[in-house]
Structure formats: structure tokens, C-alpha cells
N, C-alpha and C. Protein backbone atom coordinates (compact mmCIF):
# COMPACT_ATOMS: atom_id res chain seq x y z
N MET A 1 61.96 73.88 29.90
CA MET A 1 63.31 73.33 29.89
C MET A 1 63.42 72.09 30.78
N SER A 2 63.89 71.01 30.21
CA SER A 2 64.08 69.80 31.00
C SER A 2 65.55 69.71 31.41
N THR A 3 65.80 68.93 32.45
CA THR A 3 67.18 68.80 32.93
C THR A 3 67.96 67.82 32.07
N LYS A 4 69.26 68.05 31.96
CA LYS A 4 70.15 67.22 31.16
C LYS A 4 70.42 65.90 31.88
N ARG A 5 70.51 64.83 31.12
CA ARG A 5 70.85 63.52 31.70
C ARG A 5 72.30 63.56 32.20
N THR A 6 72.58 62.80 33.24
CA THR A 6 73.92 62.85 33.85
C THR A 6 74.98 62.11 33.05
N TYR A 7 74.60 61.06 32.33
CA TYR A 7 75.59 60.29 31.57
C TYR A 7 75.71 60.79 30.15
N GLN A 8 76.83 61.47 29.88
CA GLN A 8 77.12 61.99 28.54
C GLN A 8 78.40 61.28 28.08
N PRO A 9 78.26 60.13 27.40
CA PRO A 9 79.40 59.30 27.04
C PRO A 9 80.53 60.01 26.27
N SER A 10 81.75 59.68 26.65
CA SER A 10 82.94 60.16 25.96
C SER A 10 84.01 59.08 26.11
N LYS A 11 84.53 58.58 24.99
CA LYS A 11 85.54 57.51 25.03
C LYS A 11 86.79 57.93 25.77
N ILE A 12 87.25 59.17 25.55
CA ILE A 12 88.47 59.65 26.20
C ILE A 12 88.29 59.72 27.72
N LYS A 13 87.18 60.30 28.18
CA LYS A 13 86.93 60.42 29.62
C LYS A 13 86.81 59.05 30.26
N ARG A 14 86.18 58.11 29.55
CA ARG A 14 85.99 56.76 30.06
C ARG A 14 87.34 56.06 30.24
N VAL A 15 88.19 56.13 29.22
CA VAL A 15 89.51 55.50 29.29
C VAL A 15 90.36 56.12 30.39
N ARG A 16 90.33 57.43 30.50
CA ARG A 16 91.14 58.10 31.52
C ARG A 16 90.67 57.80 32.94
N LYS A 17 89.41 57.47 33.06
CA LYS A 17 88.84 57.18 34.38
C LYS A 17 88.98 55.71 34.77
N VAL A 18 88.66 54.81 33.85
CA VAL A 18 88.62 53.38 34.17
C VAL A 18 89.52 52.49 33.31
N GLY A 19 90.42 53.10 32.56
CA GLY A 19 91.35 52.33 31.72
C GLY A 19 92.45 51.68 32.53
N PHE A 20 93.28 50.89 31.85
CA PHE A 20 94.36 50.17 32.52
C PHE A 20 95.33 51.09 33.23
N ARG A 21 95.76 52.15 32.55
CA ARG A 21 96.75 53.07 33.14
C ARG A 21 96.16 53.83 34.34
N ALA A 22 94.88 54.09 34.32
CA ALA A 22 94.21 54.76 35.43
C ALA A 22 94.17 53.84 36.65
N ARG A 23 93.88 52.56 36.40
CA ARG A 23 93.85 51.57 37.49
C ARG A 23 95.25 51.35 38.05
N GLN A 24 96.23 51.24 37.17
CA GLN A 24 97.61 50.96 37.55
C GLN A 24 98.23 52.12 38.33
N ALA A 25 97.71 53.30 38.15
CA ALA A 25 98.28 54.51 38.76
C ALA A 25 98.13 54.57 40.28
N THR A 26 97.11 53.89 40.83
CA THR A 26 96.89 53.94 42.28
C THR A 26 96.87 52.54 42.88
N ALA A 27 97.16 52.47 44.17
CA ALA A 27 97.15 51.20 44.88
C ALA A 27 95.74 50.60 44.87
N LYS A 28 94.75 51.45 45.08
CA LYS A 28 93.36 51.00 45.10
C LYS A 28 92.92 50.48 43.73
N GLY A 29 93.43 51.12 42.70
CA GLY A 29 93.13 50.69 41.33
C GLY A 29 93.69 49.30 41.05
N ARG A 30 94.91 49.07 41.54
CA ARG A 30 95.53 47.76 41.38
C ARG A 30 94.76 46.71 42.17
N LEU A 31 94.22 47.12 43.29
CA LEU A 31 93.40 46.22 44.12
C LEU A 31 92.12 45.83 43.38
N VAL A 32 91.53 46.77 42.67
CA VAL A 32 90.33 46.54 41.86
C VAL A 32 90.63 45.44 40.83
N MET A 33 91.77 45.59 40.12
CA MET A 33 92.15 44.63 39.10
C MET A 33 92.42 43.25 39.71
N LYS A 34 93.05 43.25 40.86
CA LYS A 34 93.34 42.00 41.56
C LYS A 34 92.05 41.26 41.92
N ARG A 35 91.09 42.00 42.47
CA ARG A 35 89.80 41.41 42.85
C ARG A 35 89.05 40.86 41.64
N ARG A 36 89.10 41.61 40.53
CA ARG A 36 88.43 41.17 39.31
C ARG A 36 89.08 39.91 38.73
N ARG A 37 90.43 39.81 38.86
CA ARG A 37 91.12 38.60 38.40
C ARG A 37 90.71 37.41 39.26
N LEU A 38 90.67 37.61 40.57
CA LEU A 38 90.30 36.55 41.50
C LEU A 38 88.86 36.09 41.28
N LYS A 39 88.01 37.02 40.92
CA LYS A 39 86.60 36.73 40.67
C LYS A 39 86.42 35.95 39.36
N GLY A 40 87.44 36.08 38.49
CA GLY A 40 87.40 35.37 37.22
C GLY A 40 86.76 36.15 36.09
N ARG A 41 86.81 37.46 36.18
CA ARG A 41 86.25 38.31 35.12
C ARG A 41 87.04 38.14 33.82
N SER A 42 86.32 38.07 32.71
CA SER A 42 87.01 37.96 31.42
C SER A 42 87.67 39.29 31.09
N ARG A 43 87.06 40.39 31.50
CA ARG A 43 87.65 41.72 31.31
C ARG A 43 88.04 42.29 32.67
N VAL A 44 89.34 42.40 32.88
CA VAL A 44 89.84 42.94 34.15
C VAL A 44 89.72 44.46 34.16
N VAL A 45 90.08 45.06 33.00
CA VAL A 45 89.95 46.51 32.83
C VAL A 45 89.37 46.80 31.47
N LEU A 46 88.98 48.03 31.26
CA LEU A 46 88.48 48.49 29.97
C LEU A 46 89.61 48.38 28.96
N SER A 47 89.38 47.65 27.89
CA SER A 47 90.45 47.46 26.89
C SER A 47 90.25 48.33 25.66
């Protein structure tokens, strides 16, 4: 028996974790978006 890989992709889990509403929900999340805007990222959050 081999061990399971840690990354098991799921669109729902991804959106709930790093989506716009997840970022907007906390002060730190809003700070993340602010930093990414200042850095000039084309994608501020997962769309």
C-alpha cells in the first residue's frame, strides 16, 4: 500500500478557500487582494 497524495483537487473546496468571497470575508483576505493589486497581478483572486 502506497500513501495517498496530499493534493486531491476539488473546484468547490478551491473556491471556498481562495475565491473572492473567501478573501472578502476576512481582513487578512482583503489585505491579500490589496497586495496582489499593488503588485500588478492580472488575477487578484480566483475567478
